[in-house]
Amino acid sequence: MNSEFIFKISKYWPVLIIIVVVTIKIYRSKVSKKEMDAIEDIDTIQFVDVRSKNEFLAYSLPKSTNIPVNALKRESIKLNKNVPVVVFCVTGTRSAIAKVILRALGFEKIINAGTVRNVQKYLKSRS
């Protein structure tokens, strides 16, 4: 009986994975918005777009700096460790990696905003 139950549920694992991923993304966007809202002076935030150079050239946000995630270790010297850093990309995956890299490099206030769209909405709400 137990194996029948497992077999029946195993048919739905792709749907379950999608639900979990979407739930995590929604939660992360709410958390990052709260973290960004806590910073009173928007001009002190360093917005770092960790997408590729071509993606950045095709579309970028004002006030953002492009440092592709694969160049972050090398180019992190362009950033001020004492100022909050908001990282973002297309889906939130590269920005999650960027947050780990920056933390390892000694940055303390890093916010993973997830997507370009999340940052765009945030900037619009603050203007």
N, C-alpha and C. Protein backbone atom coordinates (compact mmCIF):
# COMPACT_ATOMS: atom_id res chain seq x y z
N MET A 1 0.82 -1.19 0.00
CA MET A 1 0.00 0.00 0.00
C MET A 1 0.87 1.26 0.00
N ASN A 2 1.92 1.24 0.75
CA ASN A 2 2.80 2.39 0.80
C ASN A 2 3.43 2.67 -0.56
N SER A 3 3.83 1.63 -1.28
CA SER A 3 4.44 1.82 -2.60
C SER A 3 3.41 2.34 -3.61
N GLU A 4 2.16 1.97 -3.47
CA GLU A 4 1.11 2.50 -4.35
C GLU A 4 0.95 4.00 -4.15
N PHE A 5 0.95 4.39 -2.90
CA PHE A 5 0.81 5.81 -2.57
C PHE A 5 1.97 6.60 -3.16
N ILE A 6 3.18 6.13 -2.99
CA ILE A 6 4.38 6.79 -3.52
C ILE A 6 4.30 6.86 -5.04
N PHE A 7 3.85 5.81 -5.68
CA PHE A 7 3.72 5.81 -7.13
C PHE A 7 2.71 6.86 -7.59
N LYS A 8 1.56 6.95 -6.91
CA LYS A 8 0.54 7.92 -7.27
C LYS A 8 1.07 9.36 -7.12
N ILE A 9 1.77 9.61 -6.04
CA ILE A 9 2.31 10.96 -5.79
C ILE A 9 3.44 11.29 -6.76
N SER A 10 4.24 10.31 -7.12
CA SER A 10 5.40 10.56 -7.98
C SER A 10 5.00 11.11 -9.35
N LYS A 11 3.77 10.88 -9.76
CA LYS A 11 3.29 11.43 -11.03
C LYS A 11 3.22 12.96 -10.97
N TYR A 12 3.08 13.49 -9.77
CA TYR A 12 2.87 14.93 -9.61
C TYR A 12 4.11 15.70 -9.18
N TRP A 13 5.27 15.04 -9.12
CA TRP A 13 6.46 15.75 -8.64
C TRP A 13 6.83 16.99 -9.47
N PRO A 14 6.65 17.00 -10.81
CA PRO A 14 6.98 18.24 -11.53
C PRO A 14 6.11 19.42 -11.09
N VAL A 15 4.85 19.16 -10.84
CA VAL A 15 3.94 20.22 -10.40
C VAL A 15 4.35 20.70 -9.01
N LEU A 16 4.71 19.78 -8.14
CA LEU A 16 5.13 20.14 -6.79
C LEU A 16 6.39 21.00 -6.82
N ILE A 17 7.32 20.65 -7.67
CA ILE A 17 8.56 21.43 -7.79
C ILE A 17 8.24 22.84 -8.26
N ILE A 18 7.38 22.97 -9.24
CA ILE A 18 7.00 24.30 -9.75
C ILE A 18 6.35 25.12 -8.64
N ILE A 19 5.47 24.51 -7.88
CA ILE A 19 4.80 25.22 -6.79
C ILE A 19 5.81 25.69 -5.76
N VAL A 20 6.76 24.85 -5.41
CA VAL A 20 7.79 25.23 -4.43
C VAL A 20 8.63 26.37 -4.96
N VAL A 21 9.08 26.30 -6.20
CA VAL A 21 9.93 27.35 -6.78
C VAL A 21 9.18 28.68 -6.83
N VAL A 22 7.95 28.66 -7.27
CA VAL A 22 7.15 29.90 -7.34
C VAL A 22 6.94 30.48 -5.95
N THR A 23 6.65 29.63 -4.98
CA THR A 23 6.45 30.09 -3.61
C THR A 23 7.72 30.74 -3.06
N ILE A 24 8.87 30.14 -3.30
CA ILE A 24 10.14 30.70 -2.84
C ILE A 24 10.39 32.05 -3.50
N LYS A 25 10.14 32.15 -4.80
CA LYS A 25 10.37 33.41 -5.51
C LYS A 25 9.46 34.52 -4.97
N ILE A 26 8.21 34.20 -4.71
CA ILE A 26 7.28 35.20 -4.16
C ILE A 26 7.75 35.64 -2.78
N TYR A 27 8.14 34.69 -1.96
CA TYR A 27 8.62 35.00 -0.62
C TYR A 27 9.87 35.87 -0.68
N ARG A 28 10.83 35.50 -1.55
CA ARG A 28 12.08 36.26 -1.67
C ARG A 28 11.81 37.69 -2.14
N SER A 29 10.89 37.88 -3.08
CA SER A 29 10.63 39.23 -3.57
C SER A 29 10.03 40.10 -2.47
N LYS A 30 9.19 39.52 -1.61
CA LYS A 30 8.62 40.27 -0.49
C LYS A 30 9.70 40.62 0.53
N VAL A 31 10.59 39.68 0.82
CA VAL A 31 11.66 39.92 1.77
C VAL A 31 12.61 40.98 1.24
N SER A 32 13.02 40.88 -0.03
CA SER A 32 13.96 41.86 -0.58
C SER A 32 13.33 43.25 -0.64
N LYS A 33 12.03 43.35 -0.92
CA LYS A 33 11.37 44.65 -0.93
C LYS A 33 11.40 45.27 0.46
N LYS A 34 11.14 44.48 1.49
CA LYS A 34 11.20 44.98 2.87
C LYS A 34 12.61 45.44 3.20
N GLU A 35 13.61 44.68 2.77
CA GLU A 35 15.00 45.06 3.03
C GLU A 35 15.34 46.37 2.32
N MET A 36 14.90 46.53 1.08
CA MET A 36 15.19 47.76 0.34
C MET A 36 14.42 48.94 0.94
N ASP A 37 13.18 48.71 1.34
CA ASP A 37 12.38 49.78 1.95
C ASP A 37 13.00 50.28 3.25
N ALA A 38 13.73 49.40 3.93
CA ALA A 38 14.36 49.78 5.20
C ALA A 38 15.50 50.78 5.00
N ILE A 39 16.01 50.87 3.79
CA ILE A 39 17.08 51.82 3.49
C ILE A 39 16.42 53.16 3.15
N GLU A 40 16.65 54.13 3.99
CA GLU A 40 15.95 55.41 3.84
C GLU A 40 16.41 56.20 2.63
N ASP A 41 17.69 56.25 2.38
CA ASP A 41 18.21 57.07 1.28
C ASP A 41 18.52 56.17 0.08
N ILE A 42 17.65 56.20 -0.91
CA ILE A 42 17.80 55.35 -2.09
C ILE A 42 19.10 55.62 -2.83
N ASP A 43 19.62 56.82 -2.70
CA ASP A 43 20.86 57.18 -3.40
C ASP A 43 22.08 56.48 -2.81
N THR A 44 21.93 55.87 -1.65
CA THR A 44 23.07 55.16 -1.05
C THR A 44 23.13 53.69 -1.48
N ILE A 45 22.13 53.23 -2.19
CA ILE A 45 22.09 51.83 -2.62
C ILE A 45 22.92 51.65 -3.89
N GLN A 46 23.71 50.59 -3.93
CA GLN A 46 24.43 50.22 -5.14
C GLN A 46 23.61 49.12 -5.83
N PHE A 47 23.04 49.42 -6.98
CA PHE A 47 22.26 48.45 -7.73
C PHE A 47 23.20 47.75 -8.71
N VAL A 48 23.37 46.45 -8.55
CA VAL A 48 24.30 45.69 -9.38
C VAL A 48 23.54 44.65 -10.18
N ASP A 49 23.53 44.86 -11.48
CA ASP A 49 22.89 43.96 -12.43
C ASP A 49 23.92 42.89 -12.79
N VAL A 50 23.67 41.65 -12.39
CA VAL A 50 24.67 40.60 -12.60
C VAL A 50 24.41 39.77 -13.87
N ARG A 51 23.56 40.30 -14.75
CA ARG A 51 23.34 39.65 -16.05
C ARG A 51 24.56 39.85 -16.94
N SER A 52 24.57 39.20 -18.07
CA SER A 52 25.67 39.36 -19.03
C SER A 52 25.69 40.77 -19.60
N LYS A 53 26.81 41.12 -20.18
CA LYS A 53 26.94 42.46 -20.77
C LYS A 53 25.90 42.67 -21.87
N ASN A 54 25.69 41.65 -22.71
CA ASN A 54 24.70 41.77 -23.79
C ASN A 54 23.28 41.96 -23.26
N GLU A 55 22.94 41.25 -22.20
CA GLU A 55 21.62 41.42 -21.60
C GLU A 55 21.47 42.84 -21.06
N PHE A 56 22.53 43.33 -20.42
CA PHE A 56 22.51 44.68 -19.86
C PHE A 56 22.38 45.73 -20.96
N LEU A 57 23.10 45.54 -22.06
CA LEU A 57 23.03 46.50 -23.17
C LEU A 57 21.65 46.50 -23.82
N ALA A 58 21.01 45.34 -23.86
CA ALA A 58 19.68 45.25 -24.45
C ALA A 58 18.64 45.98 -23.60
N TYR A 59 18.79 45.90 -22.29
CA TYR A 59 17.87 46.58 -21.38
C TYR A 59 18.53 46.71 -20.03
N SER A 60 18.54 47.93 -19.51
CA SER A 60 19.10 48.14 -18.18
C SER A 60 18.30 49.19 -17.43
N LEU A 61 18.48 49.20 -16.14
CA LEU A 61 17.77 50.14 -15.29
C LEU A 61 18.67 51.33 -14.96
N PRO A 62 18.07 52.50 -14.81
CA PRO A 62 18.87 53.64 -14.37
C PRO A 62 19.45 53.34 -12.99
N LYS A 63 20.57 53.92 -12.70
CA LYS A 63 21.26 53.76 -11.41
C LYS A 63 21.87 52.37 -11.22
N SER A 64 21.85 51.53 -12.24
CA SER A 64 22.42 50.19 -12.07
C SER A 64 23.79 50.09 -12.73
N THR A 65 24.62 49.27 -12.13
CA THR A 65 25.95 48.97 -12.65
C THR A 65 25.95 47.53 -13.10
N ASN A 66 26.55 47.27 -14.22
CA ASN A 66 26.61 45.90 -14.73
C ASN A 66 27.94 45.26 -14.34
N ILE A 67 27.84 44.22 -13.52
CA ILE A 67 28.99 43.36 -13.22
C ILE A 67 28.48 41.93 -13.36
N PRO A 68 28.74 41.30 -14.50
CA PRO A 68 28.26 39.93 -14.69
C PRO A 68 28.74 39.01 -13.56
N VAL A 69 27.89 38.09 -13.18
CA VAL A 69 28.20 37.23 -12.04
C VAL A 69 29.53 36.51 -12.21
N ASN A 70 29.89 36.14 -13.44
CA ASN A 70 31.15 35.43 -13.65
C ASN A 70 32.37 36.34 -13.52
N ALA A 71 32.16 37.66 -13.44
CA ALA A 71 33.26 38.61 -13.26
C ALA A 71 33.21 39.29 -11.90
N LEU A 72 32.32 38.87 -11.05
CA LEU A 72 32.07 39.56 -9.80
C LEU A 72 33.27 39.56 -8.85
N LYS A 73 33.95 38.44 -8.73
CA LYS A 73 35.12 38.40 -7.85
C LYS A 73 36.16 39.42 -8.29
N ARG A 74 36.41 39.47 -9.56
CA ARG A 74 37.44 40.34 -10.13
C ARG A 74 37.02 41.81 -10.08
N GLU A 75 35.76 42.10 -10.33
CA GLU A 75 35.30 43.48 -10.46
C GLU A 75 34.61 44.03 -9.21
N SER A 76 34.59 43.26 -8.15
CA SER A 76 33.94 43.73 -6.92
C SER A 76 34.66 44.93 -6.32
N ILE A 77 35.88 45.20 -6.75
CA ILE A 77 36.62 46.36 -6.24
C ILE A 77 35.94 47.67 -6.65
N LYS A 78 35.05 47.61 -7.62
CA LYS A 78 34.30 48.80 -8.05
C LYS A 78 33.22 49.18 -7.03
N LEU A 79 32.94 48.28 -6.10
CA LEU A 79 31.86 48.48 -5.15
C LEU A 79 32.39 48.89 -3.78
N ASN A 80 31.58 49.64 -3.06
CA ASN A 80 31.91 50.06 -1.71
C ASN A 80 31.32 49.07 -0.72
N LYS A 81 32.19 48.44 0.08
CA LYS A 81 31.72 47.43 1.04
C LYS A 81 30.87 48.01 2.16
N ASN A 82 30.93 49.32 2.35
CA ASN A 82 30.20 49.96 3.45
C ASN A 82 28.82 50.47 3.04
N VAL A 83 28.45 50.24 1.79
CA VAL A 83 27.18 50.72 1.26
C VAL A 83 26.35 49.52 0.83
N PRO A 84 25.03 49.53 1.12
CA PRO A 84 24.20 48.38 0.71
C PRO A 84 24.29 48.10 -0.79
N VAL A 85 24.32 46.80 -1.12
CA VAL A 85 24.38 46.35 -2.51
C VAL A 85 23.11 45.56 -2.80
N VAL A 86 22.42 45.93 -3.86
CA VAL A 86 21.25 45.19 -4.32
C VAL A 86 21.64 44.50 -5.61
N VAL A 87 21.58 43.16 -5.62
CA VAL A 87 21.93 42.39 -6.82
C VAL A 87 20.65 41.85 -7.45
N PHE A 88 20.67 41.77 -8.78
CA PHE A 88 19.50 41.26 -9.50
C PHE A 88 19.92 40.74 -10.87
N CYS A 89 19.03 39.94 -11.47
CA CYS A 89 19.28 39.38 -12.80
C CYS A 89 17.92 39.15 -13.47
N VAL A 90 17.77 38.08 -14.21
CA VAL A 90 16.51 37.81 -14.89
C VAL A 90 15.56 36.97 -14.02
N THR A 91 16.08 35.92 -13.43
CA THR A 91 15.23 35.00 -12.68
C THR A 91 15.50 34.98 -11.18
N GLY A 92 16.63 35.53 -10.77
CA GLY A 92 17.00 35.50 -9.36
C GLY A 92 18.07 34.46 -9.05
N THR A 93 18.38 33.61 -10.00
CA THR A 93 19.37 32.57 -9.77
C THR A 93 20.78 33.15 -9.71
N ARG A 94 21.15 33.94 -10.71
CA ARG A 94 22.49 34.53 -10.71
C ARG A 94 22.66 35.52 -9.57
N SER A 95 21.58 36.22 -9.22
CA SER A 95 21.70 37.17 -8.11
C SER A 95 21.89 36.43 -6.77
N ALA A 96 21.31 35.25 -6.64
CA ALA A 96 21.54 34.44 -5.44
C ALA A 96 23.01 34.02 -5.36
N ILE A 97 23.58 33.64 -6.49
CA ILE A 97 25.00 33.28 -6.54
C ILE A 97 25.85 34.51 -6.23
N ALA A 98 25.47 35.65 -6.78
CA ALA A 98 26.20 36.90 -6.55
C ALA A 98 26.21 37.26 -5.06
N LYS A 99 25.11 37.05 -4.40
CA LYS A 99 25.04 37.36 -2.97
C LYS A 99 26.03 36.50 -2.19
N VAL A 100 26.11 35.24 -2.53
CA VAL A 100 27.06 34.33 -1.86
C VAL A 100 28.50 34.78 -2.12
N ILE A 101 28.80 35.15 -3.36
CA ILE A 101 30.15 35.60 -3.72
C ILE A 101 30.50 36.87 -2.95
N LEU A 102 29.61 37.85 -2.95
CA LEU A 102 29.89 39.10 -2.26
C LEU A 102 30.04 38.90 -0.75
N ARG A 103 29.23 38.05 -0.19
CA ARG A 103 29.35 37.75 1.25
C ARG A 103 30.73 37.17 1.54
N ALA A 104 31.20 36.26 0.69
CA ALA A 104 32.53 35.65 0.86
C ALA A 104 33.64 36.68 0.71
N LEU A 105 33.38 37.75 -0.04
CA LEU A 105 34.37 38.81 -0.26
C LEU A 105 34.33 39.88 0.84
N GLY A 106 33.47 39.71 1.82
CA GLY A 106 33.44 40.62 2.95
C GLY A 106 32.36 41.69 2.92
N PHE A 107 31.48 41.64 1.95
CA PHE A 107 30.35 42.57 1.92
C PHE A 107 29.34 42.11 2.97
N GLU A 108 28.75 43.07 3.68
CA GLU A 108 27.84 42.70 4.75
C GLU A 108 26.37 42.96 4.42
N LYS A 109 26.09 44.08 3.79
CA LYS A 109 24.69 44.43 3.48
C LYS A 109 24.43 44.17 2.01
N ILE A 110 23.94 42.95 1.72
CA ILE A 110 23.65 42.54 0.34
C ILE A 110 22.18 42.13 0.29
N ILE A 111 21.47 42.65 -0.67
CA ILE A 111 20.07 42.31 -0.84
C ILE A 111 19.91 41.65 -2.21
N ASN A 112 19.38 40.44 -2.20
CA ASN A 112 19.08 39.76 -3.46
C ASN A 112 17.67 40.16 -3.85
N ALA A 113 17.56 41.10 -4.79
CA ALA A 113 16.24 41.56 -5.24
C ALA A 113 15.60 40.57 -6.21
N GLY A 114 16.38 39.60 -6.65
CA GLY A 114 15.84 38.62 -7.58
C GLY A 114 15.90 39.10 -9.01
N THR A 115 14.82 39.70 -9.46
CA THR A 115 14.71 40.02 -10.88
C THR A 115 14.81 41.52 -11.18
N VAL A 116 15.11 41.80 -12.43
CA VAL A 116 15.13 43.19 -12.92
C VAL A 116 13.77 43.82 -12.67
N ARG A 117 12.74 43.06 -12.91
CA ARG A 117 11.37 43.57 -12.74
C ARG A 117 11.11 43.99 -11.29
N ASN A 118 11.60 43.20 -10.33
CA ASN A 118 11.43 43.57 -8.92
C ASN A 118 12.08 44.92 -8.62
N VAL A 119 13.28 45.13 -9.14
CA VAL A 119 13.99 46.39 -8.91
C VAL A 119 13.27 47.53 -9.63
N GLN A 120 12.80 47.25 -10.83
CA GLN A 120 12.07 48.26 -11.60
C GLN A 120 10.84 48.73 -10.81
N LYS A 121 10.09 47.79 -10.27
CA LYS A 121 8.90 48.13 -9.47
C LYS A 121 9.30 48.93 -8.23
N TYR A 122 10.38 48.52 -7.60
CA TYR A 122 10.84 49.20 -6.41
C TYR A 122 11.22 50.64 -6.72
N LEU A 123 12.01 50.84 -7.77
CA LEU A 123 12.43 52.19 -8.15
C LEU A 123 11.23 53.07 -8.49
N LYS A 124 10.26 52.48 -9.18
CA LYS A 124 9.05 53.22 -9.54
C LYS A 124 8.27 53.64 -8.29
N SER A 125 8.22 52.76 -7.31
CA SER A 125 7.49 53.07 -6.08
C SER A 125 8.17 54.14 -5.24
N ARG A 126 9.47 54.30 -5.42
CA ARG A 126 10.23 55.28 -4.63
C ARG A 126 10.36 56.63 -5.34
N SER A 127 9.92 56.73 -6.58
CA SER A 127 10.08 58.00 -7.29
C SER A 127 8.87 58.90 -7.16
